[in-house]
Amino acid sequence: MYTIFDASDSFFRVKQKTEALVPLLVQHGIDAVNPPVEILEDVAKAKDVAQIVYDNGLKWGFLPMPVEFLHPDLGDEEFEDGLKKLATWAQTAGMIGVKYAYNPVFPGHNEYGYARNMERHVVKIKRISKVLEDSGIRYGIEFLGPPDLRQAFRHPFVHTVAGALALIDETGADIGFVFDTFHWYCGTADMDELYLAARNTDKMICLHVNDAIAGVGREGQKDLTRAMPMTTGVIDAAGICKLFLDNGYSGPVLLEPILPTYERFENMKPEDVVAEVAQSYRKMKQIVIGV
């Protein structure tokens, strides 16, 4: 496995250029960094930053997506405009060696039932994955399990490992899935689901690690309120990671504790955020692989 640092506003909210982050990541033993949006429409800049990344022995993480392509409220015009921008971003990202991108699949729709929503997702995913595939980037989907998200829609949709794999099969495309420990826990916390993911690590393109809030039942957990992995003890993120590694997973791992952690990171020095993220990764590696 290799660990990722994402400085973007959607993740660690670190206001630092990639060029300045790289030495900190190397110092603290983080393996990869997500490419910043600002280089994706500037080929010369992208090449310069990529050279720094590779010269320091780092990898790229995930291509940011210009829109939430699979959001139920995304209009057709927004989808088409986003796809055009994605083609530009993907061409630059593929050129500098970015390998993966993904979008979440929302667990319901207020207008369409399961069958119709499945049809719409298959069409969209095929188009998105083709744009990315043309630039050598593999697309993936992330299932979302928290009850507050599921209850926000009239008609239920994919929110489990089995559902994500069924959607992947329907597309017939070479796409993967993201496994998030929090979404698994909130969606089912079912061991059969966990072992199903472990049997399909060839399709897994990322593992998101986090913990749930202590003292709150599974049905009371909120999507955007989580904890750093291995802190509350509700979710055995390290055990899940070990299971996947034992079954052949060798891909990226990304912390996703969301709030209140990201708000705290926003007010910290970049070097302190990197140090804390790295410490969490080291703790996991010590448990999982003993180093």
C-alpha atoms as a PDB file:
ATOM      1  CA  MET A   1       0.000   0.000   0.000  1.00  0.00           C
ATOM      2  CA  TYR A   2       1.048   3.605  -0.343  1.00  0.00           C
ATOM      3  CA  THR A   3      -0.183   6.620   1.601  1.00  0.00           C
ATOM      4  CA  ILE A   4      -1.606   9.823   0.104  1.00  0.00           C
ATOM      5  CA  PHE A   5      -1.662  13.450   1.189  1.00  0.00           C
ATOM      6  CA  ASP A   6      -4.458  15.637  -0.222  1.00  0.00           C
ATOM      7  CA  ALA A   7      -3.966  19.339   0.497  1.00  0.00           C
ATOM      8  CA  SER A   8      -7.192  20.437  -1.212  1.00  0.00           C
ATOM      9  CA  ASP A   9     -10.127  22.222   0.421  1.00  0.00           C
ATOM     10  CA  SER A  10     -12.101  18.975   0.163  1.00  0.00           C
ATOM     11  CA  PHE A  11      -9.576  17.189   2.368  1.00  0.00           C
ATOM     12  CA  PHE A  12      -6.744  18.526   4.536  1.00  0.00           C
ATOM     13  CA  ARG A  13      -7.208  22.234   3.645  1.00  0.00           C
ATOM     14  CA  VAL A  14      -3.519  23.040   3.599  1.00  0.00           C
ATOM     15  CA  LYS A  15      -2.724  26.322   1.858  1.00  0.00           C
ATOM     16  CA  GLN A  16       0.624  25.251   0.501  1.00  0.00           C
ATOM     17  CA  LYS A  17       1.927  24.728  -3.023  1.00  0.00           C
ATOM     18  CA  THR A  18       2.784  21.168  -3.945  1.00  0.00           C
ATOM     19  CA  GLU A  19       6.398  22.191  -4.535  1.00  0.00           C
ATOM     20  CA  ALA A  20       6.651  23.317  -0.899  1.00  0.00           C
ATOM     21  CA  LEU A  21       4.740  20.303   0.440  1.00  0.00           C
ATOM     22  CA  VAL A  22       6.972  17.722  -1.224  1.00  0.00           C
ATOM     23  CA  PRO A  23       9.953  18.083   1.174  1.00  0.00           C
ATOM     24  CA  LEU A  24       7.593  17.797   4.157  1.00  0.00           C
ATOM     25  CA  LEU A  25       5.991  14.649   2.757  1.00  0.00           C
ATOM     26  CA  VAL A  26       9.399  13.106   2.148  1.00  0.00           C
ATOM     27  CA  GLN A  27      10.576  14.068   5.636  1.00  0.00           C
ATOM     28  CA  HIS A  28       7.561  12.413   7.259  1.00  0.00           C
ATOM     29  CA  GLY A  29       7.390   9.347   5.037  1.00  0.00           C
ATOM     30  CA  ILE A  30       4.160   9.972   3.099  1.00  0.00           C
ATOM     31  CA  ASP A  31       4.286   8.286  -0.301  1.00  0.00           C
ATOM     32  CA  ALA A  32       2.038  10.279  -2.624  1.00  0.00           C
ATOM     33  CA  VAL A  33       0.289  13.601  -3.162  1.00  0.00           C
ATOM     34  CA  ASN A  34      -2.860  14.458  -5.077  1.00  0.00           C
ATOM     35  CA  PRO A  35      -2.259  16.804  -8.034  1.00  0.00           C
ATOM     36  CA  PRO A  36      -3.563  20.331  -7.387  1.00  0.00           C
ATOM     37  CA  VAL A  37      -6.249  21.737  -9.678  1.00  0.00           C
ATOM     38  CA  GLU A  38      -4.124  24.748 -10.611  1.00  0.00           C
ATOM     39  CA  ILE A  39      -1.665  22.661 -12.667  1.00  0.00           C
ATOM     40  CA  LEU A  40      -4.250  20.696 -14.650  1.00  0.00           C
ATOM     41  CA  GLU A  41      -4.837  23.394 -17.256  1.00  0.00           C
ATOM     42  CA  ASP A  42      -1.183  24.432 -17.488  1.00  0.00           C
ATOM     43  CA  VAL A  43       0.893  21.737 -19.159  1.00  0.00           C
ATOM     44  CA  ALA A  44       4.236  23.468 -18.571  1.00  0.00           C
ATOM     45  CA  LYS A  45       3.486  23.974 -14.876  1.00  0.00           C
ATOM     46  CA  ALA A  46       2.255  20.384 -14.564  1.00  0.00           C
ATOM     47  CA  LYS A  47       5.526  19.071 -16.008  1.00  0.00           C
ATOM     48  CA  ASP A  48       7.582  21.226 -13.638  1.00  0.00           C
ATOM     49  CA  VAL A  49       5.662  20.102 -10.550  1.00  0.00           C
ATOM     50  CA  ALA A  50       5.670  16.459 -11.673  1.00  0.00           C
ATOM     51  CA  GLN A  51       9.447  16.607 -12.011  1.00  0.00           C
ATOM     52  CA  ILE A  52       9.716  17.740  -8.387  1.00  0.00           C
ATOM     53  CA  VAL A  53       7.335  14.985  -7.251  1.00  0.00           C
ATOM     54  CA  TYR A  54       9.222  12.237  -9.080  1.00  0.00           C
ATOM     55  CA  ASP A  55      12.698  13.559  -8.261  1.00  0.00           C
ATOM     56  CA  ASN A  56      11.763  13.185  -4.593  1.00  0.00           C
ATOM     57  CA  GLY A  57      10.568   9.610  -5.011  1.00  0.00           C
ATOM     58  CA  LEU A  58       6.865  10.355  -4.561  1.00  0.00           C
ATOM     59  CA  LYS A  59       3.818   9.127  -6.490  1.00  0.00           C
ATOM     60  CA  TRP A  60       0.690  10.923  -7.597  1.00  0.00           C
ATOM     61  CA  GLY A  61      -2.599  10.240  -5.856  1.00  0.00           C
ATOM     62  CA  PHE A  62      -5.997  10.914  -7.432  1.00  0.00           C
ATOM     63  CA  LEU A  63      -7.102  13.271 -10.170  1.00  0.00           C
ATOM     64  CA  PRO A  64      -9.549  15.841  -8.730  1.00  0.00           C
ATOM     65  CA  MET A  65     -12.903  15.836 -10.524  1.00  0.00           C
ATOM     66  CA  PRO A  66     -14.314  19.107 -11.923  1.00  0.00           C
ATOM     67  CA  VAL A  67     -17.877  18.276 -10.796  1.00  0.00           C
ATOM     68  CA  GLU A  68     -19.688  15.611  -8.777  1.00  0.00           C
ATOM     69  CA  PHE A  69     -20.642  13.729 -11.922  1.00  0.00           C
ATOM     70  CA  LEU A  70     -22.973  11.273 -10.161  1.00  0.00           C
ATOM     71  CA  HIS A  71     -24.766  13.721  -7.860  1.00  0.00           C
ATOM     72  CA  PRO A  72     -28.570  13.378  -8.202  1.00  0.00           C
ATOM     73  CA  ASP A  73     -29.014  17.136  -8.634  1.00  0.00           C
ATOM     74  CA  LEU A  74     -26.382  17.604 -11.351  1.00  0.00           C
ATOM     75  CA  GLY A  75     -28.077  18.871 -14.515  1.00  0.00           C
ATOM     76  CA  ASP A  76     -27.367  17.606 -18.029  1.00  0.00           C
ATOM     77  CA  GLU A  77     -25.667  20.842 -19.070  1.00  0.00           C
ATOM     78  CA  GLU A  78     -23.434  20.805 -15.990  1.00  0.00           C
ATOM     79  CA  PHE A  79     -22.565  17.181 -16.721  1.00  0.00           C
ATOM     80  CA  GLU A  80     -21.574  17.949 -20.312  1.00  0.00           C
ATOM     81  CA  ASP A  81     -19.526  21.003 -19.325  1.00  0.00           C
ATOM     82  CA  GLY A  82     -17.838  18.972 -16.609  1.00  0.00           C
ATOM     83  CA  LEU A  83     -17.000  16.206 -19.056  1.00  0.00           C
ATOM     84  CA  LYS A  84     -15.304  18.700 -21.384  1.00  0.00           C
ATOM     85  CA  LYS A  85     -13.215  20.055 -18.532  1.00  0.00           C
ATOM     86  CA  LEU A  86     -12.431  16.524 -17.386  1.00  0.00           C
ATOM     87  CA  ALA A  87     -11.037  15.702 -20.828  1.00  0.00           C
ATOM     88  CA  THR A  88      -8.587  18.610 -20.500  1.00  0.00           C
ATOM     89  CA  TRP A  89      -7.622  17.752 -16.938  1.00  0.00           C
ATOM     90  CA  ALA A  90      -7.265  14.049 -17.702  1.00  0.00           C
ATOM     91  CA  GLN A  91      -4.978  14.664 -20.669  1.00  0.00           C
ATOM     92  CA  THR A  92      -2.612  16.695 -18.483  1.00  0.00           C
ATOM     93  CA  ALA A  93      -2.905  14.289 -15.550  1.00  0.00           C
ATOM     94  CA  GLY A  94      -2.282  11.248 -17.710  1.00  0.00           C
ATOM     95  CA  MET A  95       0.763  12.909 -19.224  1.00  0.00           C
ATOM     96  CA  ILE A  96       2.354  13.388 -15.788  1.00  0.00           C
ATOM     97  CA  GLY A  97       1.467   9.877 -14.596  1.00  0.00           C
ATOM     98  CA  VAL A  98      -1.736  10.156 -12.566  1.00  0.00           C
ATOM     99  CA  LYS A  99      -3.407   6.720 -12.531  1.00  0.00           C
ATOM    100  CA  TYR A 100      -6.761   7.032 -10.743  1.00  0.00           C
ATOM    101  CA  ALA A 101      -9.916   9.124 -10.354  1.00  0.00           C
ATOM    102  CA  TYR A 102     -13.265   8.492  -8.679  1.00  0.00           C
ATOM    103  CA  ASN A 103     -16.702   9.870  -7.838  1.00  0.00           C
ATOM    104  CA  PRO A 104     -19.114   8.945  -5.057  1.00  0.00           C
ATOM    105  CA  VAL A 105     -22.393   7.236  -5.921  1.00  0.00           C
ATOM    106  CA  PHE A 106     -25.186   8.758  -3.865  1.00  0.00           C
ATOM    107  CA  PRO A 107     -27.429   6.241  -2.062  1.00  0.00           C
ATOM    108  CA  GLY A 108     -30.751   7.307  -3.525  1.00  0.00           C
ATOM    109  CA  HIS A 109     -32.795   9.612  -5.725  1.00  0.00           C
ATOM    110  CA  ASN A 110     -35.939  11.624  -5.112  1.00  0.00           C
ATOM    111  CA  GLU A 111     -37.389  11.032  -8.578  1.00  0.00           C
ATOM    112  CA  TYR A 112     -35.996   7.784  -9.979  1.00  0.00           C
ATOM    113  CA  GLY A 113     -36.388   4.290  -8.586  1.00  0.00           C
ATOM    114  CA  TYR A 114     -33.550   1.785  -8.449  1.00  0.00           C
ATOM    115  CA  ALA A 115     -33.837   0.415 -12.008  1.00  0.00           C
ATOM    116  CA  ARG A 116     -34.070   3.816 -13.715  1.00  0.00           C
ATOM    117  CA  ASN A 117     -31.311   5.243 -11.555  1.00  0.00           C
ATOM    118  CA  MET A 118     -29.115   2.257 -12.422  1.00  0.00           C
ATOM    119  CA  GLU A 119     -29.651   2.906 -16.145  1.00  0.00           C
ATOM    120  CA  ARG A 120     -28.700   6.576 -15.741  1.00  0.00           C
ATOM    121  CA  HIS A 121     -25.570   5.724 -13.762  1.00  0.00           C
ATOM    122  CA  VAL A 122     -24.426   3.127 -16.274  1.00  0.00           C
ATOM    123  CA  VAL A 123     -24.661   5.626 -19.134  1.00  0.00           C
ATOM    124  CA  LYS A 124     -22.834   8.343 -17.190  1.00  0.00           C
ATOM    125  CA  ILE A 125     -20.126   6.066 -15.818  1.00  0.00           C
ATOM    126  CA  LYS A 126     -19.364   4.662 -19.269  1.00  0.00           C
ATOM    127  CA  ARG A 127     -18.860   8.180 -20.626  1.00  0.00           C
ATOM    128  CA  ILE A 128     -16.719   9.338 -17.690  1.00  0.00           C
ATOM    129  CA  SER A 129     -14.570   6.207 -17.693  1.00  0.00           C
ATOM    130  CA  LYS A 130     -14.001   6.471 -21.458  1.00  0.00           C
ATOM    131  CA  VAL A 131     -12.678  10.036 -21.124  1.00  0.00           C
ATOM    132  CA  LEU A 132     -10.323   8.933 -18.363  1.00  0.00           C
ATOM    133  CA  GLU A 133      -9.310   5.689 -20.064  1.00  0.00           C
ATOM    134  CA  ASP A 134      -8.222   7.657 -23.122  1.00  0.00           C
ATOM    135  CA  SER A 135      -5.602   9.295 -20.892  1.00  0.00           C
ATOM    136  CA  GLY A 136      -4.562   6.100 -19.123  1.00  0.00           C
ATOM    137  CA  ILE A 137      -6.526   6.830 -15.933  1.00  0.00           C
ATOM    138  CA  ARG A 138      -8.705   4.204 -14.249  1.00  0.00           C
ATOM    139  CA  TYR A 139     -12.069   5.398 -12.953  1.00  0.00           C
ATOM    140  CA  GLY A 140     -13.704   4.229  -9.750  1.00  0.00           C
ATOM    141  CA  ILE A 141     -16.911   4.705  -7.765  1.00  0.00           C
ATOM    142  CA  GLU A 142     -17.350   5.098  -4.023  1.00  0.00           C
ATOM    143  CA  PHE A 143     -20.456   3.771  -2.259  1.00  0.00           C
ATOM    144  CA  LEU A 144     -21.832   5.914   0.580  1.00  0.00           C
ATOM    145  CA  GLY A 145     -23.367   4.275   3.643  1.00  0.00           C
ATOM    146  CA  PRO A 146     -24.287   6.809   6.369  1.00  0.00           C
ATOM    147  CA  PRO A 147     -27.964   6.738   7.387  1.00  0.00           C
ATOM    148  CA  ASP A 148     -28.449  10.514   7.157  1.00  0.00           C
ATOM    149  CA  LEU A 149     -27.485  10.329   3.477  1.00  0.00           C
ATOM    150  CA  ARG A 150     -29.684   7.314   2.781  1.00  0.00           C
ATOM    151  CA  GLN A 151     -32.666   8.898   4.517  1.00  0.00           C
ATOM    152  CA  ALA A 152     -32.332  12.070   2.440  1.00  0.00           C
ATOM    153  CA  PHE A 153     -33.791  10.335  -0.641  1.00  0.00           C
ATOM    154  CA  ARG A 154     -37.226   8.887  -1.426  1.00  0.00           C
ATOM    155  CA  HIS A 155     -35.872   6.002  -3.490  1.00  0.00           C
ATOM    156  CA  PRO A 156     -32.882   3.957  -2.248  1.00  0.00           C
ATOM    157  CA  PHE A 157     -29.872   3.152  -4.405  1.00  0.00           C
ATOM    158  CA  VAL A 158     -26.361   1.682  -4.117  1.00  0.00           C
ATOM    159  CA  HIS A 159     -24.809   1.986  -0.644  1.00  0.00           C
ATOM    160  CA  THR A 160     -22.908  -1.291  -0.137  1.00  0.00           C
ATOM    161  CA  VAL A 161     -19.953  -3.228  -1.545  1.00  0.00           C
ATOM    162  CA  ALA A 162     -22.352  -5.632  -3.269  1.00  0.00           C
ATOM    163  CA  GLY A 163     -24.264  -2.727  -4.792  1.00  0.00           C
ATOM    164  CA  ALA A 164     -21.086  -1.056  -6.040  1.00  0.00           C
ATOM    165  CA  LEU A 165     -19.869  -4.297  -7.636  1.00  0.00           C
ATOM    166  CA  ALA A 166     -23.266  -4.823  -9.272  1.00  0.00           C
ATOM    167  CA  LEU A 167     -23.105  -1.325 -10.752  1.00  0.00           C
ATOM    168  CA  ILE A 168     -19.567  -1.959 -11.991  1.00  0.00           C
ATOM    169  CA  ASP A 169     -20.704  -5.191 -13.648  1.00  0.00           C
ATOM    170  CA  GLU A 170     -23.593  -3.393 -15.347  1.00  0.00           C
ATOM    171  CA  THR A 171     -21.229  -0.907 -16.965  1.00  0.00           C
ATOM    172  CA  GLY A 172     -19.054  -3.621 -18.478  1.00  0.00           C
ATOM    173  CA  ALA A 173     -16.145  -1.190 -18.123  1.00  0.00           C
ATOM    174  CA  ASP A 174     -12.794  -1.662 -16.397  1.00  0.00           C
ATOM    175  CA  ILE A 175     -13.620   0.505 -13.414  1.00  0.00           C
ATOM    176  CA  GLY A 176     -12.967   0.027  -9.737  1.00  0.00           C
ATOM    177  CA  PHE A 177     -14.380   0.945  -6.351  1.00  0.00           C
ATOM    178  CA  VAL A 178     -13.258   2.880  -3.289  1.00  0.00           C
ATOM    179  CA  PHE A 179     -13.707   1.186   0.081  1.00  0.00           C
ATOM    180  CA  ASP A 180     -14.276   3.631   2.932  1.00  0.00           C
ATOM    181  CA  THR A 181     -14.235   2.089   6.410  1.00  0.00           C
ATOM    182  CA  PHE A 182     -16.846   4.580   7.666  1.00  0.00           C
ATOM    183  CA  HIS A 183     -19.221   3.985   4.750  1.00  0.00           C
ATOM    184  CA  TRP A 184     -18.937   0.221   5.211  1.00  0.00           C
ATOM    185  CA  TYR A 185     -19.580   0.530   8.946  1.00  0.00           C
ATOM    186  CA  CYS A 186     -22.572   2.854   8.514  1.00  0.00           C
ATOM    187  CA  GLY A 187     -23.991   0.972   5.543  1.00  0.00           C
ATOM    188  CA  THR A 188     -24.004  -2.549   6.951  1.00  0.00           C
ATOM    189  CA  ALA A 189     -20.964  -3.262   9.184  1.00  0.00           C
ATOM    190  CA  ASP A 190     -21.471  -6.727   7.729  1.00  0.00           C
ATOM    191  CA  MET A 191     -18.490  -9.088   7.720  1.00  0.00           C
ATOM    192  CA  ASP A 192     -19.719 -10.809   4.549  1.00  0.00           C
ATOM    193  CA  GLU A 193     -19.549  -7.408   2.838  1.00  0.00           C
ATOM    194  CA  LEU A 194     -16.012  -6.960   4.132  1.00  0.00           C
ATOM    195  CA  TYR A 195     -14.929 -10.349   2.803  1.00  0.00           C
ATOM    196  CA  LEU A 196     -16.649  -9.607  -0.515  1.00  0.00           C
ATOM    197  CA  ALA A 197     -14.456  -6.521  -0.845  1.00  0.00           C
ATOM    198  CA  ALA A 198     -11.400  -8.584   0.114  1.00  0.00           C
ATOM    199  CA  ARG A 199     -12.179 -11.057  -2.680  1.00  0.00           C
ATOM    200  CA  ASN A 200     -12.284  -8.177  -5.157  1.00  0.00           C
ATOM    201  CA  THR A 201      -9.122  -6.244  -4.326  1.00  0.00           C
ATOM    202  CA  ASP A 202      -8.255  -6.252  -8.047  1.00  0.00           C
ATOM    203  CA  LYS A 203     -11.154  -3.813  -8.438  1.00  0.00           C
ATOM    204  CA  MET A 204     -10.277  -1.713  -5.376  1.00  0.00           C
ATOM    205  CA  ILE A 205      -8.590   1.571  -6.325  1.00  0.00           C
ATOM    206  CA  CYS A 206      -8.420   3.207  -2.885  1.00  0.00           C
ATOM    207  CA  LEU A 207      -8.949   2.534   0.800  1.00  0.00           C
ATOM    208  CA  HIS A 208     -10.282   5.452   2.865  1.00  0.00           C
ATOM    209  CA  VAL A 209      -9.502   5.031   6.559  1.00  0.00           C
ATOM    210  CA  ASN A 210     -11.238   6.737   9.470  1.00  0.00           C
ATOM    211  CA  ASP A 211     -13.119   5.975  12.676  1.00  0.00           C
ATOM    212  CA  ALA A 212     -16.688   6.550  13.816  1.00  0.00           C
ATOM    213  CA  ILE A 213     -17.855   8.703  16.721  1.00  0.00           C
ATOM    214  CA  ALA A 214     -17.789   6.926  20.076  1.00  0.00           C
ATOM    215  CA  GLY A 215     -20.998   6.724  22.101  1.00  0.00           C
ATOM    216  CA  VAL A 216     -23.212   7.036  19.026  1.00  0.00           C
ATOM    217  CA  GLY A 217     -25.006   4.031  17.564  1.00  0.00           C
ATOM    218  CA  ARG A 218     -24.419   3.036  13.954  1.00  0.00           C
ATOM    219  CA  GLU A 219     -27.740   4.515  12.838  1.00  0.00           C
ATOM    220  CA  GLY A 220     -26.907   7.782  14.601  1.00  0.00           C
ATOM    221  CA  GLN A 221     -23.616   8.416  12.798  1.00  0.00           C
ATOM    222  CA  LYS A 222     -23.509  11.459  10.491  1.00  0.00           C
ATOM    223  CA  ASP A 223     -21.747  11.446   7.133  1.00  0.00           C
ATOM    224  CA  LEU A 224     -19.544  14.487   7.691  1.00  0.00           C
ATOM    225  CA  THR A 225     -18.680  13.832  11.355  1.00  0.00           C
ATOM    226  CA  ARG A 226     -15.964  11.229  11.813  1.00  0.00           C
ATOM    227  CA  ALA A 227     -12.668  10.653  13.602  1.00  0.00           C
ATOM    228  CA  MET A 228      -9.066   9.887  12.785  1.00  0.00           C
ATOM    229  CA  PRO A 229      -8.510   6.138  12.314  1.00  0.00           C
ATOM    230  CA  MET A 230      -7.646   4.061  15.373  1.00  0.00           C
ATOM    231  CA  THR A 231      -8.719   6.772  17.809  1.00  0.00           C
ATOM    232  CA  THR A 232     -12.223   5.953  19.064  1.00  0.00           C
ATOM    233  CA  GLY A 233     -11.991   2.195  18.563  1.00  0.00           C
ATOM    234  CA  VAL A 234     -15.408   1.916  16.882  1.00  0.00           C
ATOM    235  CA  ILE A 235     -13.981   0.793  13.518  1.00  0.00           C
ATOM    236  CA  ASP A 236     -10.979  -1.512  13.196  1.00  0.00           C
ATOM    237  CA  ALA A 237      -9.430   0.350  10.249  1.00  0.00           C
ATOM    238  CA  ALA A 238      -6.037  -1.333  10.690  1.00  0.00           C
ATOM    239  CA  GLY A 239      -7.618  -4.780  10.762  1.00  0.00           C
ATOM    240  CA  ILE A 240      -9.551  -4.011   7.581  1.00  0.00           C
ATOM    241  CA  CYS A 241      -6.403  -2.736   5.899  1.00  0.00           C
ATOM    242  CA  LYS A 242      -4.521  -5.905   6.880  1.00  0.00           C
ATOM    243  CA  LEU A 243      -7.304  -8.081   5.483  1.00  0.00           C
ATOM    244  CA  PHE A 244      -7.103  -6.318   2.139  1.00  0.00           C
ATOM    245  CA  LEU A 245      -3.299  -6.448   2.018  1.00  0.00           C
ATOM    246  CA  ASP A 246      -3.410 -10.158   2.825  1.00  0.00           C
ATOM    247  CA  ASN A 247      -5.727 -10.561  -0.158  1.00  0.00           C
ATOM    248  CA  GLY A 248      -3.452  -8.791  -2.612  1.00  0.00           C
ATOM    249  CA  TYR A 249      -4.283  -5.110  -2.263  1.00  0.00           C
ATOM    250  CA  SER A 250      -1.275  -2.886  -2.958  1.00  0.00           C
ATOM    251  CA  GLY A 251      -2.925   0.426  -3.851  1.00  0.00           C
ATOM    252  CA  PRO A 252      -3.390   3.820  -2.215  1.00  0.00           C
ATOM    253  CA  VAL A 253      -4.638   4.535   1.298  1.00  0.00           C
ATOM    254  CA  LEU A 254      -6.074   7.928   2.214  1.00  0.00           C
ATOM    255  CA  LEU A 255      -7.152   9.342   5.570  1.00  0.00           C
ATOM    256  CA  GLU A 256     -10.681  10.781   5.505  1.00  0.00           C
ATOM    257  CA  PRO A 257     -11.703  11.808   9.035  1.00  0.00           C
ATOM    258  CA  ILE A 258     -13.651  14.893   7.795  1.00  0.00           C
ATOM    259  CA  LEU A 259     -15.094  17.092  10.594  1.00  0.00           C
ATOM    260  CA  PRO A 260     -14.014  18.275  13.096  1.00  0.00           C
ATOM    261  CA  THR A 261     -10.491  17.242  12.000  1.00  0.00           C
ATOM    262  CA  TYR A 262     -10.444  19.230   8.756  1.00  0.00           C
ATOM    263  CA  GLU A 263     -11.527  22.408  10.544  1.00  0.00           C
ATOM    264  CA  ARG A 264      -8.676  21.898  12.981  1.00  0.00           C
ATOM    265  CA  PHE A 265      -6.210  21.299  10.136  1.00  0.00           C
ATOM    266  CA  GLU A 266      -7.330  24.543   8.511  1.00  0.00           C
ATOM    267  CA  ASN A 267      -5.927  26.502  11.452  1.00  0.00           C
ATOM    268  CA  MET A 268      -2.650  24.595  11.766  1.00  0.00           C
ATOM    269  CA  LYS A 269       0.742  25.097  10.159  1.00  0.00           C
ATOM    270  CA  PRO A 270       1.250  22.909   7.065  1.00  0.00           C
ATOM    271  CA  GLU A 271       4.174  21.104   8.661  1.00  0.00           C
ATOM    272  CA  ASP A 272       2.033  20.229  11.697  1.00  0.00           C
ATOM    273  CA  VAL A 273      -0.770  18.840   9.530  1.00  0.00           C
ATOM    274  CA  VAL A 274       1.697  16.712   7.557  1.00  0.00           C
ATOM    275  CA  ALA A 275       3.248  15.451  10.801  1.00  0.00           C
ATOM    276  CA  GLU A 276      -0.124  14.463  12.280  1.00  0.00           C
ATOM    277  CA  VAL A 277      -1.307  12.742   9.092  1.00  0.00           C
ATOM    278  CA  ALA A 278       2.014  10.908   8.819  1.00  0.00           C
ATOM    279  CA  GLN A 279       1.838   9.787  12.447  1.00  0.00           C
ATOM    280  CA  SER A 280      -1.585   8.242  11.805  1.00  0.00           C
ATOM    281  CA  TYR A 281      -0.267   6.412   8.749  1.00  0.00           C
ATOM    282  CA  ARG A 282       2.759   5.156  10.707  1.00  0.00           C
ATOM    283  CA  LYS A 283       0.525   3.866  13.489  1.00  0.00           C
ATOM    284  CA  MET A 284      -1.518   1.945  10.940  1.00  0.00           C
ATOM    285  CA  LYS A 285       1.559   0.508   9.214  1.00  0.00           C
ATOM    286  CA  GLN A 286       2.991  -0.619  12.549  1.00  0.00           C
ATOM    287  CA  ILE A 287      -0.194  -2.571  13.245  1.00  0.00           C
ATOM    288  CA  VAL A 288      -0.690  -3.872   9.710  1.00  0.00           C
ATOM    289  CA  ILE A 289       2.828  -4.764   8.570  1.00  0.00           C
ATOM    290  CA  GLY A 290       4.944  -4.268  11.671  1.00  0.00           C
ATOM    291  CA  VAL A 291       7.102  -1.386  10.387  1.00  0.00           C
END
